[in-house]
Amino acid sequence: YWGSPRSQFDLMVAFGAGARAFDWRPSLVNGVVMMHHGAITIKHKMADAITEVVTFANANPADEDLIVLAVTACAGGDQCLPEAIKILNAVNISVITDCTALAGY
């Protein structure tokens, strides 16, 4: 899918199909945080995608619509993860880097 010349990045299609957990892979490309799947860059800014996530979450506040983003495989250098975290923090999305913080939930 991602390697297809006609592939498109559409979170609303994924949400419509019931997806609520994502293996989110940022990539810092020329100072802009995009996403990637291995060697393939998804030509969609992470900030725009996160806006789509927030829009969906605000329209679907039920517990069963909780969205989980596992941010992994940050590519593009040491600044990729800090830049990705800035995007998440800008829209008040909680970032947990120490999973022991979830103990008891």
N, C-alpha and C. Protein backbone atom coordinates (compact mmCIF):
# COMPACT_ATOMS: atom_id res chain seq x y z
N TYR A 1 0.83 -1.20 0.00
CA TYR A 1 0.00 0.00 0.00
C TYR A 1 0.86 1.25 0.00
N TRP A 2 1.77 1.38 0.97
CA TRP A 2 2.55 2.62 1.08
C TRP A 2 3.45 2.84 -0.14
N GLY A 3 3.91 1.76 -0.76
CA GLY A 3 4.78 1.90 -1.91
C GLY A 3 4.04 2.11 -3.21
N SER A 4 2.74 2.03 -3.19
CA SER A 4 1.94 2.19 -4.39
C SER A 4 2.03 3.61 -4.91
N PRO A 5 2.16 3.82 -6.21
CA PRO A 5 2.21 5.18 -6.74
C PRO A 5 0.93 5.95 -6.48
N ARG A 6 -0.16 5.24 -6.23
CA ARG A 6 -1.43 5.92 -5.98
C ARG A 6 -1.78 5.98 -4.50
N SER A 7 -0.87 5.60 -3.64
CA SER A 7 -1.20 5.56 -2.21
C SER A 7 -1.48 6.97 -1.70
N GLN A 8 -2.42 7.05 -0.80
CA GLN A 8 -2.78 8.31 -0.17
C GLN A 8 -2.81 8.11 1.32
N PHE A 9 -2.52 9.18 2.03
CA PHE A 9 -2.56 9.14 3.49
C PHE A 9 -3.90 9.71 3.90
N ASP A 10 -4.76 8.90 4.47
CA ASP A 10 -6.08 9.37 4.85
C ASP A 10 -6.49 8.75 6.18
N LEU A 11 -6.29 9.51 7.24
CA LEU A 11 -6.64 9.02 8.57
C LEU A 11 -8.14 8.80 8.72
N MET A 12 -8.95 9.61 8.08
CA MET A 12 -10.39 9.46 8.22
C MET A 12 -10.86 8.11 7.68
N VAL A 13 -10.22 7.61 6.64
CA VAL A 13 -10.55 6.28 6.14
C VAL A 13 -10.18 5.24 7.20
N ALA A 14 -9.01 5.40 7.81
CA ALA A 14 -8.58 4.47 8.86
C ALA A 14 -9.53 4.54 10.06
N PHE A 15 -9.91 5.74 10.47
CA PHE A 15 -10.85 5.88 11.58
C PHE A 15 -12.20 5.25 11.22
N GLY A 16 -12.65 5.46 10.00
CA GLY A 16 -13.92 4.90 9.55
C GLY A 16 -13.91 3.38 9.56
N ALA A 17 -12.74 2.80 9.37
CA ALA A 17 -12.60 1.34 9.39
C ALA A 17 -12.41 0.81 10.80
N GLY A 18 -12.38 1.71 11.78
CA GLY A 18 -12.28 1.29 13.18
C GLY A 18 -10.90 1.38 13.80
N ALA A 19 -9.91 1.83 13.05
CA ALA A 19 -8.56 1.94 13.62
C ALA A 19 -8.53 3.02 14.69
N ARG A 20 -7.90 2.69 15.81
CA ARG A 20 -7.74 3.66 16.90
C ARG A 20 -6.32 3.62 17.48
N ALA A 21 -5.52 2.69 17.04
CA ALA A 21 -4.13 2.58 17.51
C ALA A 21 -3.22 2.59 16.28
N PHE A 22 -2.18 3.40 16.35
CA PHE A 22 -1.31 3.60 15.20
C PHE A 22 0.16 3.46 15.57
N ASP A 23 0.90 2.79 14.73
CA ASP A 23 2.36 2.73 14.81
C ASP A 23 2.83 3.97 14.05
N TRP A 24 3.03 5.04 14.77
CA TRP A 24 3.29 6.36 14.21
C TRP A 24 4.78 6.54 14.01
N ARG A 25 5.23 6.70 12.79
CA ARG A 25 6.66 6.75 12.48
C ARG A 25 7.04 8.10 11.87
N PRO A 26 7.49 9.04 12.70
CA PRO A 26 7.88 10.34 12.17
C PRO A 26 9.21 10.29 11.43
N SER A 27 9.39 11.25 10.55
CA SER A 27 10.64 11.40 9.83
C SER A 27 10.89 12.89 9.63
N LEU A 28 12.06 13.34 10.04
CA LEU A 28 12.42 14.75 9.87
C LEU A 28 13.06 14.91 8.50
N VAL A 29 12.37 15.65 7.61
CA VAL A 29 12.81 15.84 6.23
C VAL A 29 12.95 17.33 5.97
N ASN A 30 14.19 17.79 5.82
CA ASN A 30 14.44 19.21 5.56
C ASN A 30 13.77 20.12 6.59
N GLY A 31 13.82 19.71 7.86
CA GLY A 31 13.27 20.52 8.94
C GLY A 31 11.78 20.37 9.16
N VAL A 32 11.12 19.52 8.38
CA VAL A 32 9.67 19.30 8.50
C VAL A 32 9.44 17.86 8.95
N VAL A 33 8.58 17.69 9.94
CA VAL A 33 8.28 16.34 10.40
C VAL A 33 7.17 15.76 9.51
N MET A 34 7.54 14.72 8.80
CA MET A 34 6.61 13.98 7.95
C MET A 34 6.43 12.62 8.64
N MET A 35 5.95 11.64 7.91
CA MET A 35 5.90 10.29 8.41
C MET A 35 6.56 9.37 7.40
N HIS A 36 6.90 8.17 7.84
CA HIS A 36 7.52 7.22 6.93
C HIS A 36 7.07 5.81 7.26
N HIS A 37 7.27 4.95 6.30
CA HIS A 37 7.08 3.51 6.49
C HIS A 37 8.31 2.87 5.87
N GLY A 38 9.31 2.62 6.70
CA GLY A 38 10.58 2.11 6.19
C GLY A 38 11.25 3.17 5.34
N ALA A 39 11.62 2.82 4.14
CA ALA A 39 12.33 3.74 3.25
C ALA A 39 11.37 4.68 2.52
N ILE A 40 10.08 4.52 2.72
CA ILE A 40 9.09 5.32 1.99
C ILE A 40 8.61 6.46 2.87
N THR A 41 8.80 7.69 2.39
CA THR A 41 8.30 8.87 3.08
C THR A 41 6.85 9.08 2.70
N ILE A 42 6.00 9.27 3.70
CA ILE A 42 4.59 9.58 3.47
C ILE A 42 4.53 11.10 3.34
N LYS A 43 4.11 11.59 2.23
CA LYS A 43 4.15 13.03 1.95
C LYS A 43 2.94 13.72 2.57
N HIS A 44 2.95 13.74 3.88
CA HIS A 44 1.88 14.37 4.66
C HIS A 44 2.53 14.85 5.96
N LYS A 45 2.44 16.13 6.23
CA LYS A 45 3.08 16.67 7.43
C LYS A 45 2.44 16.07 8.68
N MET A 46 3.29 15.73 9.63
CA MET A 46 2.79 15.17 10.88
C MET A 46 1.85 16.15 11.57
N ALA A 47 2.16 17.44 11.54
CA ALA A 47 1.30 18.43 12.19
C ALA A 47 -0.11 18.42 11.59
N ASP A 48 -0.20 18.26 10.27
CA ASP A 48 -1.52 18.19 9.63
C ASP A 48 -2.25 16.91 10.03
N ALA A 49 -1.53 15.81 10.09
CA ALA A 49 -2.13 14.54 10.49
C ALA A 49 -2.63 14.62 11.93
N ILE A 50 -1.85 15.24 12.80
CA ILE A 50 -2.25 15.36 14.20
C ILE A 50 -3.49 16.23 14.32
N THR A 51 -3.61 17.25 13.50
CA THR A 51 -4.83 18.06 13.48
C THR A 51 -6.03 17.19 13.12
N GLU A 52 -5.86 16.27 12.18
CA GLU A 52 -6.93 15.34 11.82
C GLU A 52 -7.28 14.42 13.00
N VAL A 53 -6.27 13.97 13.71
CA VAL A 53 -6.50 13.11 14.88
C VAL A 53 -7.31 13.87 15.93
N VAL A 54 -6.93 15.11 16.21
CA VAL A 54 -7.62 15.92 17.21
C VAL A 54 -9.06 16.20 16.77
N THR A 55 -9.25 16.50 15.50
CA THR A 55 -10.60 16.76 14.98
C THR A 55 -11.49 15.53 15.18
N PHE A 56 -10.96 14.36 14.85
CA PHE A 56 -11.73 13.13 15.03
C PHE A 56 -12.01 12.89 16.52
N ALA A 57 -11.00 13.04 17.34
CA ALA A 57 -11.16 12.78 18.78
C ALA A 57 -12.19 13.72 19.39
N ASN A 58 -12.19 14.98 19.00
CA ASN A 58 -13.17 15.93 19.53
C ASN A 58 -14.58 15.58 19.10
N ALA A 59 -14.73 15.04 17.90
CA ALA A 59 -16.05 14.66 17.39
C ALA A 59 -16.51 13.30 17.91
N ASN A 60 -15.58 12.52 18.50
CA ASN A 60 -15.87 11.16 18.96
C ASN A 60 -15.28 10.95 20.35
N PRO A 61 -15.87 11.57 21.37
CA PRO A 61 -15.26 11.55 22.70
C PRO A 61 -15.51 10.30 23.54
N ALA A 62 -16.20 9.31 23.01
CA ALA A 62 -16.51 8.11 23.80
C ALA A 62 -15.24 7.33 24.13
N ASP A 63 -15.26 6.63 25.27
CA ASP A 63 -14.10 5.84 25.70
C ASP A 63 -13.62 4.87 24.64
N GLU A 64 -14.56 4.25 23.91
CA GLU A 64 -14.13 3.27 22.90
C GLU A 64 -13.44 3.91 21.70
N ASP A 65 -13.44 5.22 21.64
CA ASP A 65 -12.76 5.92 20.56
C ASP A 65 -11.42 6.53 20.99
N LEU A 66 -10.90 6.06 22.11
CA LEU A 66 -9.57 6.50 22.55
C LEU A 66 -8.55 6.19 21.47
N ILE A 67 -7.73 7.16 21.12
CA ILE A 67 -6.73 6.98 20.07
C ILE A 67 -5.36 6.87 20.72
N VAL A 68 -4.61 5.85 20.30
CA VAL A 68 -3.26 5.62 20.82
C VAL A 68 -2.27 5.74 19.67
N LEU A 69 -1.28 6.57 19.87
CA LEU A 69 -0.20 6.73 18.90
C LEU A 69 1.08 6.21 19.54
N ALA A 70 1.60 5.12 19.02
CA ALA A 70 2.89 4.61 19.48
C ALA A 70 3.94 5.20 18.54
N VAL A 71 4.62 6.23 19.00
CA VAL A 71 5.60 6.92 18.16
C VAL A 71 6.90 6.11 18.20
N THR A 72 7.24 5.53 17.03
CA THR A 72 8.40 4.65 16.94
C THR A 72 9.22 4.99 15.70
N ALA A 73 10.40 4.46 15.65
CA ALA A 73 11.25 4.51 14.45
C ALA A 73 11.41 5.92 13.89
N CYS A 74 11.65 6.89 14.76
CA CYS A 74 11.85 8.27 14.31
C CYS A 74 13.09 8.32 13.42
N ALA A 75 12.94 8.88 12.23
CA ALA A 75 14.04 8.92 11.27
C ALA A 75 14.42 10.36 10.97
N GLY A 76 15.64 10.55 10.51
CA GLY A 76 16.06 11.88 10.10
C GLY A 76 16.96 12.59 11.09
N GLY A 77 17.48 11.86 12.06
CA GLY A 77 18.44 12.45 12.98
C GLY A 77 17.93 12.61 14.39
N ASP A 78 18.81 13.12 15.25
CA ASP A 78 18.53 13.23 16.68
C ASP A 78 17.40 14.20 17.01
N GLN A 79 17.08 15.11 16.12
CA GLN A 79 16.04 16.09 16.40
C GLN A 79 14.64 15.62 16.01
N CYS A 80 14.55 14.45 15.39
CA CYS A 80 13.24 13.95 14.95
C CYS A 80 12.27 13.79 16.12
N LEU A 81 12.65 13.05 17.13
CA LEU A 81 11.73 12.81 18.25
C LEU A 81 11.39 14.09 19.00
N PRO A 82 12.36 14.95 19.34
CA PRO A 82 11.98 16.21 20.00
C PRO A 82 11.02 17.05 19.16
N GLU A 83 11.22 17.07 17.84
CA GLU A 83 10.31 17.84 16.98
C GLU A 83 8.93 17.20 16.94
N ALA A 84 8.87 15.89 16.91
CA ALA A 84 7.58 15.19 16.92
C ALA A 84 6.84 15.47 18.24
N ILE A 85 7.58 15.44 19.34
CA ILE A 85 6.97 15.72 20.64
C ILE A 85 6.46 17.16 20.70
N LYS A 86 7.16 18.09 20.11
CA LYS A 86 6.68 19.49 20.06
C LYS A 86 5.32 19.58 19.37
N ILE A 87 5.17 18.84 18.29
CA ILE A 87 3.90 18.84 17.56
C ILE A 87 2.79 18.30 18.44
N LEU A 88 3.04 17.21 19.14
CA LEU A 88 2.04 16.63 20.03
C LEU A 88 1.72 17.57 21.18
N ASN A 89 2.73 18.14 21.80
CA ASN A 89 2.52 19.05 22.92
C ASN A 89 1.74 20.30 22.51
N ALA A 90 1.93 20.74 21.27
CA ALA A 90 1.26 21.96 20.79
C ALA A 90 -0.27 21.81 20.79
N VAL A 91 -0.76 20.58 20.72
CA VAL A 91 -2.21 20.35 20.74
C VAL A 91 -2.64 19.58 21.99
N ASN A 92 -1.80 19.65 23.02
CA ASN A 92 -2.09 19.06 24.33
C ASN A 92 -2.28 17.54 24.31
N ILE A 93 -1.55 16.87 23.43
CA ILE A 93 -1.55 15.41 23.44
C ILE A 93 -0.45 14.96 24.41
N SER A 94 -0.83 14.14 25.38
CA SER A 94 0.11 13.66 26.37
C SER A 94 1.14 12.74 25.74
N VAL A 95 2.38 12.90 26.18
CA VAL A 95 3.48 12.06 25.69
C VAL A 95 4.04 11.30 26.88
N ILE A 96 4.08 9.99 26.76
CA ILE A 96 4.64 9.15 27.81
C ILE A 96 5.85 8.45 27.24
N THR A 97 7.00 8.71 27.83
CA THR A 97 8.23 8.05 27.36
C THR A 97 8.68 6.96 28.33
N ASP A 98 8.09 6.93 29.50
CA ASP A 98 8.41 5.91 30.50
C ASP A 98 7.13 5.14 30.79
N CYS A 99 7.03 3.94 30.27
CA CYS A 99 5.80 3.16 30.39
C CYS A 99 5.45 2.80 31.83
N THR A 100 6.39 2.89 32.74
CA THR A 100 6.06 2.62 34.14
C THR A 100 5.09 3.68 34.67
N ALA A 101 4.99 4.82 33.98
CA ALA A 101 4.05 5.86 34.37
C ALA A 101 2.61 5.39 34.20
N LEU A 102 2.41 4.32 33.45
CA LEU A 102 1.07 3.79 33.22
C LEU A 102 0.64 2.76 34.25
N ALA A 103 1.52 2.40 35.15
CA ALA A 103 1.22 1.37 36.15
C ALA A 103 -0.04 1.75 36.92
N GLY A 104 -0.94 0.80 37.03
CA GLY A 104 -2.15 1.03 37.79
C GLY A 104 -3.33 1.49 36.95
N TYR A 105 -3.13 1.73 35.68
CA TYR A 105 -4.25 2.17 34.83
C TYR A 105 -4.95 1.00 34.23
